[in-house]
Amino acid sequence: QDGFEVVNIYDIVFCKADDNYTEVHFKDSKKLVSKTL
């Protein structure tokens, strides 16, 4: 909402579709992103 976060793609374990959003799952956390899978 206030900008963007830079992440290492190799820290992403998997991504899960949630309608028009995507849950990006890391080893110890997840983020809901307003982009499609």
Full PDB file with SEQRES, HELIX, SHEET, SSBOND, CRYST1, ORIGX, SCALE, CONECT and MASTER records, all heavy atoms in Angstrom:
SEQRES   1 A   37  GLN ASP GLY PHE GLU VAL VAL ASN ILE TYR ASP ILE VAL          
SEQRES   2 A   37  PHE CYS LYS ALA ASP ASP ASN TYR THR GLU VAL HIS PHE          
SEQRES   3 A   37  LYS ASP SER LYS LYS LEU VAL SER LYS THR LEU                  
HELIX    1 AA1 ILE A    9  ASP A   11  5                                   3    
SHEET    1 AA1 3 ILE A  12  ASP A  18  0                                        
SHEET    2 AA1 3 TYR A  21  PHE A  26 -1                                        
SHEET    3 AA1 3 LYS A  30  VAL A  33 -1                                        
CRYST1    1.000    1.000    1.000  90.00  90.00  90.00 P 1           1          
ORIGX1      1.000000  0.000000  0.000000        0.00000                         
ORIGX2      0.000000  1.000000  0.000000        0.00000                         
ORIGX3      0.000000  0.000000  1.000000        0.00000                         
SCALE1      1.000000  0.000000  0.000000        0.00000                         
SCALE2      0.000000  1.000000  0.000000        0.00000                         
SCALE3      0.000000  0.000000  1.000000        0.00000                         
ATOM      1  N   GLN A   1       0.809  -1.206   0.000  1.00  0.00           N  
ATOM      2  CA  GLN A   1       0.000   0.000   0.000  1.00  0.00           C  
ATOM      3  C   GLN A   1       0.849   1.266   0.000  1.00  0.00           C  
ATOM      4  O   GLN A   1       0.504   2.258  -0.625  1.00  0.00           O  
ATOM      5  CB  GLN A   1      -0.930   0.000   1.215  1.00  0.00           C  
ATOM      6  CG  GLN A   1      -1.964   1.123   1.195  1.00  0.00           C  
ATOM      7  CD  GLN A   1      -2.978   0.989   2.293  1.00  0.00           C  
ATOM      8  OE1 GLN A   1      -2.876   0.122   3.134  1.00  0.00           O  
ATOM      9  NE2 GLN A   1      -3.978   1.856   2.278  1.00  0.00           N  
ATOM     10  N   ASP A   2       1.986   1.215   0.690  1.00  0.00           N  
ATOM     11  CA  ASP A   2       2.823   2.404   0.800  1.00  0.00           C  
ATOM     12  C   ASP A   2       4.069   2.354  -0.070  1.00  0.00           C  
ATOM     13  O   ASP A   2       4.992   3.132   0.104  1.00  0.00           O  
ATOM     14  CB  ASP A   2       3.228   2.624   2.258  1.00  0.00           C  
ATOM     15  CG  ASP A   2       4.042   1.445   2.823  1.00  0.00           C  
ATOM     16  OD1 ASP A   2       4.077   0.386   2.162  1.00  0.00           O  
ATOM     17  OD2 ASP A   2       4.628   1.586   3.910  1.00  0.00           O  
ATOM     18  N   GLY A   3       4.103   1.423  -1.027  1.00  0.00           N  
ATOM     19  CA  GLY A   3       5.273   1.315  -1.899  1.00  0.00           C  
ATOM     20  C   GLY A   3       5.459  -0.103  -2.399  1.00  0.00           C  
ATOM     21  O   GLY A   3       4.528  -0.712  -2.921  1.00  0.00           O  
ATOM     22  N   PHE A   4       6.643  -0.657  -2.246  1.00  0.00           N  
ATOM     23  CA  PHE A   4       6.880  -2.043  -2.631  1.00  0.00           C  
ATOM     24  C   PHE A   4       8.006  -2.628  -1.801  1.00  0.00           C  
ATOM     25  O   PHE A   4       8.840  -1.913  -1.246  1.00  0.00           O  
ATOM     26  CB  PHE A   4       7.210  -2.164  -4.130  1.00  0.00           C  
ATOM     27  CG  PHE A   4       8.472  -1.477  -4.559  1.00  0.00           C  
ATOM     28  CD1 PHE A   4       9.686  -2.151  -4.559  1.00  0.00           C  
ATOM     29  CD2 PHE A   4       8.453  -0.153  -4.989  1.00  0.00           C  
ATOM     30  CE1 PHE A   4      10.856  -1.532  -4.959  1.00  0.00           C  
ATOM     31  CE2 PHE A   4       9.618   0.487  -5.392  1.00  0.00           C  
ATOM     32  CZ  PHE A   4      10.821  -0.206  -5.376  1.00  0.00           C  
ATOM     33  N   GLU A   5       8.000  -3.946  -1.711  1.00  0.00           N  
ATOM     34  CA  GLU A   5       9.050  -4.674  -1.002  1.00  0.00           C  
ATOM     35  C   GLU A   5       9.837  -5.499  -2.006  1.00  0.00           C  
ATOM     36  O   GLU A   5       9.259  -6.129  -2.897  1.00  0.00           O  
ATOM     37  CB  GLU A   5       8.427  -5.591   0.052  1.00  0.00           C  
ATOM     38  CG  GLU A   5       9.446  -6.404   0.843  1.00  0.00           C  
ATOM     39  CD  GLU A   5       8.809  -7.305   1.880  1.00  0.00           C  
ATOM     40  OE1 GLU A   5       7.573  -7.253   2.021  1.00  0.00           O  
ATOM     41  OE2 GLU A   5       9.544  -8.063   2.541  1.00  0.00           O  
ATOM     42  N   VAL A   6      11.147  -5.476  -1.875  1.00  0.00           N  
ATOM     43  CA  VAL A   6      12.001  -6.282  -2.744  1.00  0.00           C  
ATOM     44  C   VAL A   6      12.280  -7.611  -2.044  1.00  0.00           C  
ATOM     45  O   VAL A   6      12.732  -7.635  -0.902  1.00  0.00           O  
ATOM     46  CB  VAL A   6      13.334  -5.560  -3.040  1.00  0.00           C  
ATOM     47  CG1 VAL A   6      14.222  -6.422  -3.940  1.00  0.00           C  
ATOM     48  CG2 VAL A   6      13.079  -4.203  -3.690  1.00  0.00           C  
ATOM     49  N   VAL A   7      11.970  -8.714  -2.722  1.00  0.00           N  
ATOM     50  CA  VAL A   7      12.182 -10.030  -2.121  1.00  0.00           C  
ATOM     51  C   VAL A   7      13.040 -10.897  -3.028  1.00  0.00           C  
ATOM     52  O   VAL A   7      13.069 -10.726  -4.246  1.00  0.00           O  
ATOM     53  CB  VAL A   7      10.840 -10.750  -1.838  1.00  0.00           C  
ATOM     54  CG1 VAL A   7       9.969  -9.933  -0.912  1.00  0.00           C  
ATOM     55  CG2 VAL A   7      10.099 -11.062  -3.126  1.00  0.00           C  
ATOM     56  N   ASN A   8      13.739 -11.821  -2.414  1.00  0.00           N  
ATOM     57  CA  ASN A   8      14.535 -12.807  -3.138  1.00  0.00           C  
ATOM     58  C   ASN A   8      13.593 -13.907  -3.608  1.00  0.00           C  
ATOM     59  O   ASN A   8      12.888 -14.515  -2.810  1.00  0.00           O  
ATOM     60  CB  ASN A   8      15.595 -13.376  -2.191  1.00  0.00           C  
ATOM     61  CG  ASN A   8      16.603 -14.239  -2.918  1.00  0.00           C  
ATOM     62  OD1 ASN A   8      16.278 -14.932  -3.884  1.00  0.00           O  
ATOM     63  ND2 ASN A   8      17.845 -14.226  -2.452  1.00  0.00           N  
ATOM     64  N   ILE A   9      13.551 -14.167  -4.907  1.00  0.00           N  
ATOM     65  CA  ILE A   9      12.610 -15.157  -5.418  1.00  0.00           C  
ATOM     66  C   ILE A   9      12.876 -16.546  -4.851  1.00  0.00           C  
ATOM     67  O   ILE A   9      11.963 -17.372  -4.739  1.00  0.00           O  
ATOM     68  CB  ILE A   9      12.621 -15.210  -6.959  1.00  0.00           C  
ATOM     69  CG1 ILE A   9      13.996 -15.635  -7.494  1.00  0.00           C  
ATOM     70  CG2 ILE A   9      12.186 -13.889  -7.548  1.00  0.00           C  
ATOM     71  CD1 ILE A   9      14.018 -15.829  -8.999  1.00  0.00           C  
ATOM     72  N   TYR A  10      14.103 -16.812  -4.439  1.00  0.00           N  
ATOM     73  CA  TYR A  10      14.425 -18.133  -3.917  1.00  0.00           C  
ATOM     74  C   TYR A  10      13.971 -18.315  -2.472  1.00  0.00           C  
ATOM     75  O   TYR A  10      14.062 -19.410  -1.921  1.00  0.00           O  
ATOM     76  CB  TYR A  10      15.922 -18.406  -4.073  1.00  0.00           C  
ATOM     77  CG  TYR A  10      16.363 -18.270  -5.519  1.00  0.00           C  
ATOM     78  CD1 TYR A  10      17.174 -17.215  -5.928  1.00  0.00           C  
ATOM     79  CD2 TYR A  10      15.901 -19.163  -6.495  1.00  0.00           C  
ATOM     80  CE1 TYR A  10      17.533 -17.061  -7.261  1.00  0.00           C  
ATOM     81  CE2 TYR A  10      16.257 -19.019  -7.824  1.00  0.00           C  
ATOM     82  CZ  TYR A  10      17.070 -17.976  -8.203  1.00  0.00           C  
ATOM     83  OH  TYR A  10      17.410 -17.820  -9.524  1.00  0.00           O  
ATOM     84  N   ASP A  11      13.473 -17.231  -1.878  1.00  0.00           N  
ATOM     85  CA  ASP A  11      12.868 -17.345  -0.549  1.00  0.00           C  
ATOM     86  C   ASP A  11      11.398 -17.727  -0.634  1.00  0.00           C  
ATOM     87  O   ASP A  11      10.776 -18.052   0.373  1.00  0.00           O  
ATOM     88  CB  ASP A  11      12.996 -16.018   0.216  1.00  0.00           C  
ATOM     89  CG  ASP A  11      14.439 -15.714   0.622  1.00  0.00           C  
ATOM     90  OD1 ASP A  11      15.229 -16.673   0.736  1.00  0.00           O  
ATOM     91  OD2 ASP A  11      14.764 -14.526   0.814  1.00  0.00           O  
ATOM     92  N   ILE A  12      10.832 -17.685  -1.846  1.00  0.00           N  
ATOM     93  CA  ILE A  12       9.437 -18.059  -2.049  1.00  0.00           C  
ATOM     94  C   ILE A  12       9.338 -19.575  -2.129  1.00  0.00           C  
ATOM     95  O   ILE A  12      10.041 -20.219  -2.913  1.00  0.00           O  
ATOM     96  CB  ILE A  12       8.872 -17.429  -3.337  1.00  0.00           C  
ATOM     97  CG1 ILE A  12       8.946 -15.900  -3.255  1.00  0.00           C  
ATOM     98  CG2 ILE A  12       7.434 -17.889  -3.580  1.00  0.00           C  
ATOM     99  CD1 ILE A  12       8.577 -15.204  -4.566  1.00  0.00           C  
ATOM    100  N   VAL A  13       8.461 -20.149  -1.317  1.00  0.00           N  
ATOM    101  CA  VAL A  13       8.264 -21.601  -1.343  1.00  0.00           C  
ATOM    102  C   VAL A  13       7.175 -21.962  -2.346  1.00  0.00           C  
ATOM    103  O   VAL A  13       7.351 -22.841  -3.185  1.00  0.00           O  
ATOM    104  CB  VAL A  13       7.897 -22.140   0.059  1.00  0.00           C  
ATOM    105  CG1 VAL A  13       7.663 -23.649   0.017  1.00  0.00           C  
ATOM    106  CG2 VAL A  13       9.001 -21.803   1.058  1.00  0.00           C  
ATOM    107  N   PHE A  14       6.046 -21.295  -2.266  1.00  0.00           N  
ATOM    108  CA  PHE A  14       4.982 -21.506  -3.249  1.00  0.00           C  
ATOM    109  C   PHE A  14       4.043 -20.311  -3.260  1.00  0.00           C  
ATOM    110  O   PHE A  14       4.041 -19.477  -2.348  1.00  0.00           O  
ATOM    111  CB  PHE A  14       4.210 -22.802  -2.989  1.00  0.00           C  
ATOM    112  CG  PHE A  14       3.341 -22.784  -1.754  1.00  0.00           C  
ATOM    113  CD1 PHE A  14       1.990 -22.448  -1.817  1.00  0.00           C  
ATOM    114  CD2 PHE A  14       3.858 -23.142  -0.516  1.00  0.00           C  
ATOM    115  CE1 PHE A  14       1.189 -22.442  -0.686  1.00  0.00           C  
ATOM    116  CE2 PHE A  14       3.063 -23.150   0.619  1.00  0.00           C  
ATOM    117  CZ  PHE A  14       1.716 -22.790   0.534  1.00  0.00           C  
ATOM    118  N   CYS A  15       3.231 -20.249  -4.307  1.00  0.00           N  
ATOM    119  CA  CYS A  15       2.208 -19.209  -4.441  1.00  0.00           C  
ATOM    120  C   CYS A  15       0.858 -19.892  -4.614  1.00  0.00           C  
ATOM    121  O   CYS A  15       0.748 -20.886  -5.335  1.00  0.00           O  
ATOM    122  CB  CYS A  15       2.488 -18.320  -5.651  1.00  0.00           C  
ATOM    123  SG  CYS A  15       4.068 -17.443  -5.607  1.00  0.00           S  
ATOM    124  N   LYS A  16      -0.149 -19.341  -3.966  1.00  0.00           N  
ATOM    125  CA  LYS A  16      -1.492 -19.924  -4.005  1.00  0.00           C  
ATOM    126  C   LYS A  16      -2.489 -18.886  -4.483  1.00  0.00           C  
ATOM    127  O   LYS A  16      -2.525 -17.766  -3.989  1.00  0.00           O  
ATOM    128  CB  LYS A  16      -1.893 -20.426  -2.611  1.00  0.00           C  
ATOM    129  CG  LYS A  16      -3.290 -21.025  -2.544  1.00  0.00           C  
ATOM    130  CD  LYS A  16      -3.651 -21.409  -1.120  1.00  0.00           C  
ATOM    131  CE  LYS A  16      -5.074 -21.944  -1.037  1.00  0.00           C  
ATOM    132  NZ  LYS A  16      -5.456 -22.267   0.367  1.00  0.00           N  
ATOM    133  N   ALA A  17      -3.342 -19.282  -5.452  1.00  0.00           N  
ATOM    134  CA  ALA A  17      -4.348 -18.376  -5.974  1.00  0.00           C  
ATOM    135  C   ALA A  17      -5.436 -18.123  -4.940  1.00  0.00           C  
ATOM    136  O   ALA A  17      -5.854 -19.025  -4.216  1.00  0.00           O  
ATOM    137  CB  ALA A  17      -4.969 -18.953  -7.236  1.00  0.00           C  
ATOM    138  N   ASP A  18      -5.879 -16.872  -4.881  1.00  0.00           N  
ATOM    139  CA  ASP A  18      -6.986 -16.483  -4.005  1.00  0.00           C  
ATOM    140  C   ASP A  18      -7.812 -15.459  -4.771  1.00  0.00           C  
ATOM    141  O   ASP A  18      -7.668 -14.257  -4.588  1.00  0.00           O  
ATOM    142  CB  ASP A  18      -6.455 -15.898  -2.695  1.00  0.00           C  
ATOM    143  CG  ASP A  18      -7.558 -15.582  -1.695  1.00  0.00           C  
ATOM    144  OD1 ASP A  18      -8.740 -15.804  -2.033  1.00  0.00           O  
ATOM    145  OD2 ASP A  18      -7.251 -15.115  -0.586  1.00  0.00           O  
ATOM    146  N   ASP A  19      -8.691 -15.977  -5.669  1.00  0.00           N  
ATOM    147  CA  ASP A  19      -9.447 -15.139  -6.607  1.00  0.00           C  
ATOM    148  C   ASP A  19      -8.468 -14.295  -7.424  1.00  0.00           C  
ATOM    149  O   ASP A  19      -7.588 -14.850  -8.066  1.00  0.00           O  
ATOM    150  CB  ASP A  19     -10.450 -14.263  -5.861  1.00  0.00           C  
ATOM    151  CG  ASP A  19     -11.580 -15.096  -5.246  1.00  0.00           C  
ATOM    152  OD1 ASP A  19     -11.927 -16.124  -5.848  1.00  0.00           O  
ATOM    153  OD2 ASP A  19     -12.089 -14.725  -4.179  1.00  0.00           O  
ATOM    154  N   ASN A  20      -8.596 -12.974  -7.367  1.00  0.00           N  
ATOM    155  CA  ASN A  20      -7.696 -12.104  -8.135  1.00  0.00           C  
ATOM    156  C   ASN A  20      -6.462 -11.709  -7.340  1.00  0.00           C  
ATOM    157  O   ASN A  20      -5.702 -10.832  -7.761  1.00  0.00           O  
ATOM    158  CB  ASN A  20      -8.442 -10.850  -8.601  1.00  0.00           C  
ATOM    159  CG  ASN A  20      -9.465 -11.157  -9.676  1.00  0.00           C  
ATOM    160  OD1 ASN A  20      -9.239 -12.008 -10.527  1.00  0.00           O  
ATOM    161  ND2 ASN A  20     -10.593 -10.474  -9.634  1.00  0.00           N  
ATOM    162  N   TYR A  21      -6.279 -12.342  -6.195  1.00  0.00           N  
ATOM    163  CA  TYR A  21      -5.106 -12.122  -5.356  1.00  0.00           C  
ATOM    164  C   TYR A  21      -4.239 -13.379  -5.365  1.00  0.00           C  
ATOM    165  O   TYR A  21      -4.653 -14.445  -5.834  1.00  0.00           O  
ATOM    166  CB  TYR A  21      -5.508 -11.792  -3.915  1.00  0.00           C  
ATOM    167  CG  TYR A  21      -6.144 -10.438  -3.747  1.00  0.00           C  
ATOM    168  CD1 TYR A  21      -7.479 -10.221  -4.093  1.00  0.00           C  
ATOM    169  CD2 TYR A  21      -5.420  -9.361  -3.246  1.00  0.00           C  
ATOM    170  CE1 TYR A  21      -8.068  -8.970  -3.947  1.00  0.00           C  
ATOM    171  CE2 TYR A  21      -6.000  -8.111  -3.091  1.00  0.00           C  
ATOM    172  CZ  TYR A  21      -7.328  -7.925  -3.448  1.00  0.00           C  
ATOM    173  OH  TYR A  21      -7.901  -6.691  -3.292  1.00  0.00           O  
ATOM    174  N   THR A  22      -3.047 -13.246  -4.835  1.00  0.00           N  
ATOM    175  CA  THR A  22      -2.151 -14.393  -4.688  1.00  0.00           C  
ATOM    176  C   THR A  22      -1.524 -14.376  -3.307  1.00  0.00           C  
ATOM    177  O   THR A  22      -1.023 -13.333  -2.866  1.00  0.00           O  
ATOM    178  CB  THR A  22      -1.027 -14.367  -5.753  1.00  0.00           C  
ATOM    179  OG1 THR A  22      -1.605 -14.443  -7.053  1.00  0.00           O  
ATOM    180  CG2 THR A  22      -0.062 -15.529  -5.559  1.00  0.00           C  
ATOM    181  N   GLU A  23      -1.571 -15.532  -2.636  1.00  0.00           N  
ATOM    182  CA  GLU A  23      -0.835 -15.691  -1.388  1.00  0.00           C  
ATOM    183  C   GLU A  23       0.582 -16.125  -1.739  1.00  0.00           C  
ATOM    184  O   GLU A  23       0.782 -17.181  -2.331  1.00  0.00           O  
ATOM    185  CB  GLU A  23      -1.475 -16.754  -0.492  1.00  0.00           C  
ATOM    186  CG  GLU A  23      -2.804 -16.369   0.107  1.00  0.00           C  
ATOM    187  CD  GLU A  23      -3.348 -17.472   1.012  1.00  0.00           C  
ATOM    188  OE1 GLU A  23      -2.641 -18.496   1.213  1.00  0.00           O  
ATOM    189  OE2 GLU A  23      -4.473 -17.327   1.518  1.00  0.00           O  
ATOM    190  N   VAL A  24       1.565 -15.312  -1.388  1.00  0.00           N  
ATOM    191  CA  VAL A  24       2.966 -15.663  -1.622  1.00  0.00           C  
ATOM    192  C   VAL A  24       3.516 -16.203  -0.307  1.00  0.00           C  
ATOM    193  O   VAL A  24       3.596 -15.476   0.685  1.00  0.00           O  
ATOM    194  CB  VAL A  24       3.775 -14.446  -2.095  1.00  0.00           C  
ATOM    195  CG1 VAL A  24       5.234 -14.841  -2.346  1.00  0.00           C  
ATOM    196  CG2 VAL A  24       3.159 -13.849  -3.357  1.00  0.00           C  
ATOM    197  N   HIS A  25       3.868 -17.476  -0.304  1.00  0.00           N  
ATOM    198  CA  HIS A  25       4.306 -18.145   0.920  1.00  0.00           C  
ATOM    199  C   HIS A  25       5.832 -18.251   0.968  1.00  0.00           C  
ATOM    200  O   HIS A  25       6.461 -18.728   0.024  1.00  0.00           O  
ATOM    201  CB  HIS A  25       3.711 -19.559   1.004  1.00  0.00           C  
ATOM    202  CG  HIS A  25       2.237 -19.558   1.281  1.00  0.00           C  
ATOM    203  ND1 HIS A  25       1.717 -19.951   2.493  1.00  0.00           N  
ATOM    204  CD2 HIS A  25       1.170 -19.199   0.509  1.00  0.00           C  
ATOM    205  CE1 HIS A  25       0.394 -19.849   2.460  1.00  0.00           C  
ATOM    206  NE2 HIS A  25       0.041 -19.397   1.263  1.00  0.00           N  
ATOM    207  N   PHE A  26       6.380 -17.789   2.078  1.00  0.00           N  
ATOM    208  CA  PHE A  26       7.800 -17.926   2.351  1.00  0.00           C  
ATOM    209  C   PHE A  26       7.973 -19.005   3.413  1.00  0.00           C  
ATOM    210  O   PHE A  26       6.998 -19.614   3.859  1.00  0.00           O  
ATOM    211  CB  PHE A  26       8.375 -16.592   2.822  1.00  0.00           C  
ATOM    212  CG  PHE A  26       8.167 -15.470   1.836  1.00  0.00           C  
ATOM    213  CD1 PHE A  26       7.020 -14.676   1.894  1.00  0.00           C  
ATOM    214  CD2 PHE A  26       9.096 -15.218   0.844  1.00  0.00           C  
ATOM    215  CE1 PHE A  26       6.815 -13.656   0.986  1.00  0.00           C  
ATOM    216  CE2 PHE A  26       8.900 -14.190  -0.071  1.00  0.00           C  
ATOM    217  CZ  PHE A  26       7.748 -13.409   0.000  1.00  0.00           C  
ATOM    218  N   LYS A  27       9.181 -19.263   3.814  1.00  0.00           N  
ATOM    219  CA  LYS A  27       9.415 -20.331   4.792  1.00  0.00           C  
ATOM    220  C   LYS A  27       8.688 -20.074   6.116  1.00  0.00           C  
ATOM    221  O   LYS A  27       8.151 -21.001   6.722  1.00  0.00           O  
ATOM    222  CB  LYS A  27      10.921 -20.490   5.036  1.00  0.00           C  
ATOM    223  CG  LYS A  27      11.677 -21.106   3.849  1.00  0.00           C  
ATOM    224  CD  LYS A  27      13.156 -21.269   4.165  1.00  0.00           C  
ATOM    225  CE  LYS A  27      13.873 -22.036   3.063  1.00  0.00           C  
ATOM    226  NZ  LYS A  27      13.817 -21.367   1.760  1.00  0.00           N  
ATOM    227  N   ASP A  28       8.662 -18.824   6.554  1.00  0.00           N  
ATOM    228  CA  ASP A  28       8.071 -18.529   7.863  1.00  0.00           C  
ATOM    229  C   ASP A  28       6.959 -17.483   7.815  1.00  0.00           C  
ATOM    230  O   ASP A  28       6.503 -17.027   8.865  1.00  0.00           O  
ATOM    231  CB  ASP A  28       9.161 -18.039   8.828  1.00  0.00           C  
ATOM    232  CG  ASP A  28      10.271 -19.062   9.013  1.00  0.00           C  
ATOM    233  OD1 ASP A  28       9.946 -20.232   9.242  1.00  0.00           O  
ATOM    234  OD2 ASP A  28      11.447 -18.680   8.909  1.00  0.00           O  
ATOM    235  N   SER A  29       6.524 -17.105   6.624  1.00  0.00           N  
ATOM    236  CA  SER A  29       5.508 -16.056   6.527  1.00  0.00           C  
ATOM    237  C   SER A  29       4.809 -16.135   5.185  1.00  0.00           C  
ATOM    238  O   SER A  29       5.183 -16.938   4.311  1.00  0.00           O  
ATOM    239  CB  SER A  29       6.144 -14.683   6.706  1.00  0.00           C  
ATOM    240  OG  SER A  29       7.065 -14.418   5.656  1.00  0.00           O  
ATOM    241  N   LYS A  30       3.795 -15.307   5.022  1.00  0.00           N  
ATOM    242  CA  LYS A  30       3.113 -15.208   3.733  1.00  0.00           C  
ATOM    243  C   LYS A  30       2.609 -13.782   3.540  1.00  0.00           C  
ATOM    244  O   LYS A  30       2.413 -13.039   4.505  1.00  0.00           O  
ATOM    245  CB  LYS A  30       1.956 -16.201   3.640  1.00  0.00           C  
ATOM    246  CG  LYS A  30       0.791 -15.921   4.562  1.00  0.00           C  
ATOM    247  CD  LYS A  30      -0.326 -16.942   4.357  1.00  0.00           C  
ATOM    248  CE  LYS A  30      -1.512 -16.675   5.292  1.00  0.00           C  
ATOM    249  NZ  LYS A  30      -2.593 -17.657   5.100  1.00  0.00           N  
ATOM    250  N   LYS A  31       2.399 -13.414   2.272  1.00  0.00           N  
ATOM    251  CA  LYS A  31       1.906 -12.086   1.940  1.00  0.00           C  
ATOM    252  C   LYS A  31       0.782 -12.229   0.917  1.00  0.00           C  
ATOM    253  O   LYS A  31       0.878 -13.045  -0.004  1.00  0.00           O  
ATOM    254  CB  LYS A  31       3.022 -11.217   1.358  1.00  0.00           C  
ATOM    255  CG  LYS A  31       4.201 -10.992   2.292  1.00  0.00           C  
ATOM    256  CD  LYS A  31       5.258 -10.119   1.644  1.00  0.00           C  
ATOM    257  CE  LYS A  31       6.493  -9.983   2.535  1.00  0.00           C  
ATOM    258  NZ  LYS A  31       6.173  -9.307   3.797  1.00  0.00           N  
ATOM    259  N   LEU A  32      -0.271 -11.444   1.100  1.00  0.00           N  
ATOM    260  CA  LEU A  32      -1.370 -11.417   0.140  1.00  0.00           C  
ATOM    261  C   LEU A  32      -1.118 -10.261  -0.829  1.00  0.00           C  
ATOM    262  O   LEU A  32      -1.013  -9.111  -0.416  1.00  0.00           O  
ATOM    263  CB  LEU A  32      -2.706 -11.234   0.853  1.00  0.00           C  
ATOM    264  CG  LEU A  32      -3.958 -11.321  -0.032  1.00  0.00           C  
ATOM    265  CD1 LEU A  32      -4.085 -12.714  -0.651  1.00  0.00           C  
ATOM    266  CD2 LEU A  32      -5.208 -10.985   0.770  1.00  0.00           C  
ATOM    267  N   VAL A  33      -1.017 -10.591  -2.117  1.00  0.00           N  
ATOM    268  CA  VAL A  33      -0.640  -9.608  -3.131  1.00  0.00           C  
ATOM    269  C   VAL A  33      -1.777  -9.452  -4.143  1.00  0.00           C  
ATOM    270  O   VAL A  33      -2.376 -10.444  -4.562  1.00  0.00           O  
ATOM    271  CB  VAL A  33       0.651 -10.042  -3.860  1.00  0.00           C  
ATOM    272  CG1 VAL A  33       1.078  -8.990  -4.870  1.00  0.00           C  
ATOM    273  CG2 VAL A  33       1.765 -10.307  -2.864  1.00  0.00           C  
ATOM    274  N   SER A  34      -2.055  -8.238  -4.532  1.00  0.00           N  
ATOM    275  CA  SER A  34      -3.163  -7.964  -5.457  1.00  0.00           C  
ATOM    276  C   SER A  34      -2.755  -8.203  -6.908  1.00  0.00           C  
ATOM    277  O   SER A  34      -2.872  -7.324  -7.764  1.00  0.00           O  
ATOM    278  CB  SER A  34      -3.657  -6.530  -5.279  1.00  0.00           C  
ATOM    279  OG  SER A  34      -2.602  -5.608  -5.506  1.00  0.00           O  
ATOM    280  N   LYS A  35      -2.279  -9.407  -7.170  1.00  0.00           N  
ATOM    281  CA  LYS A  35      -1.952  -9.865  -8.520  1.00  0.00           C  
ATOM    282  C   LYS A  35      -2.439 -11.306  -8.652  1.00  0.00           C  
ATOM    283  O   LYS A  35      -2.497 -12.051  -7.675  1.00  0.00           O  
ATOM    284  CB  LYS A  35      -0.440  -9.802  -8.783  1.00  0.00           C  
ATOM    285  CG  LYS A  35       0.180  -8.416  -8.692  1.00  0.00           C  
ATOM    286  CD  LYS A  35      -0.270  -7.528  -9.843  1.00  0.00           C  
ATOM    287  CE  LYS A  35       0.403  -6.160  -9.774  1.00  0.00           C  
ATOM    288  NZ  LYS A  35      -0.077  -5.264 -10.846  1.00  0.00           N  
ATOM    289  N   THR A  36      -2.789 -11.709  -9.884  1.00  0.00           N  
ATOM    290  CA  THR A  36      -3.269 -13.071 -10.100  1.00  0.00           C  
ATOM    291  C   THR A  36      -2.114 -14.070 -10.086  1.00  0.00           C  
ATOM    292  O   THR A  36      -0.948 -13.693 -10.267  1.00  0.00           O  
ATOM    293  CB  THR A  36      -4.004 -13.197 -11.440  1.00  0.00           C  
ATOM    294  OG1 THR A  36      -3.070 -12.939 -12.507  1.00  0.00           O  
ATOM    295  CG2 THR A  36      -5.154 -12.205 -11.524  1.00  0.00           C  
ATOM    296  N   LEU A  37      -2.448 -15.354  -9.908  1.00  0.00           N  
ATOM    297  CA  LEU A  37      -1.416 -16.387  -9.938  1.00  0.00           C  
ATOM    298  C   LEU A  37      -0.782 -16.474 -11.324  1.00  0.00           C  
ATOM    299  O   LEU A  37       0.424 -16.713 -11.450  1.00  0.00           O  
ATOM    300  CB  LEU A  37      -2.026 -17.734  -9.537  1.00  0.00           C  
ATOM    301  CG  LEU A  37      -1.034 -18.879  -9.347  1.00  0.00           C  
ATOM    302  CD1 LEU A  37      -0.054 -18.582  -8.222  1.00  0.00           C  
ATOM    303  CD2 LEU A  37      -1.769 -20.194  -9.062  1.00  0.00           C  
TER     304      LEU A  37                                                      
MASTER        0    0    0    1    3    0    0    6  303    1    0    3          
END                                                                             
